[in-house]
Amino acid sequence: MKNSSLVVNLVLAAAVAVLYYLHFKSPAKVEPVTEKKEEKQLTQPKIEPKASTVVFVNSDSLWDKYEFVKDTKKVLEQARKNAEANFNVKYKALETEYNQLRDRAATISQDEGMAKQQELMVKEQKLTEYRDQMNESLGKNEMEKNEAVQKNITEYLNRNYNNSNYTYILGYSNGGGILYAKATMDITNEVLEGINNEYRAQKGSKK
């Protein structure tokens, strides 16, 4: 009986170590995003044509101040928090079972202990699979949301600048491929005002 308890305890110690690894490998949290409340403005800004046929939008500012991006980040953050909470519940339940078996190891037979250990290892494997599926689902959701944001921006520019004199509207960002952009060709604020007005109107119509 003493030898069987030693075997079960050794196996349990290894299993608990794996559980802690699973726990601390759970998805990293997204930094909270604080949205500033702004008054609804439904009118589109007047587009002031530039002398050049090539203008640019600061991509960093657009993604930072476009309200649809802020709302999207909130949705993604909440989805990740919910997934993490579900994972932690499952993890704690499995950890409790391991601890209970460890506490009973000295009072059960080797066969009974190994059978229960096998059962817990199956649950542990399922928990690992759940974590991987959760990460895959969250990653896919984030990709789809980012694609939706990019689609909104592209469609807005097509609708509002298709008849302008601009041949190109470039996306400028720090560390990007464009090394220099003349400030007078910057239409970022103009685009932000228009695209945010449009988004506020769309949000209002859905309430």
Foldseek 3Di string as FASTA:
>chain_A
DVVLLVVLLVLLVVVVVVLVVLLVPFDDADDQDDDDDDDADQDADDDDADPDLEFEAAPVVCCVQQVLNNVLVVVLRVLSVVLSVVLVVLSVVLSVLSVVLNVCSVPDGSVVSVVSSVVSVVSVVVSVVSRVVSVVVSVVSVVVSVVVVVVLLVVLCCVPPVPGSHPYYYHDYVPDPDPDHDPSRYCHVSSSRRSNNNVSVVVVVVD
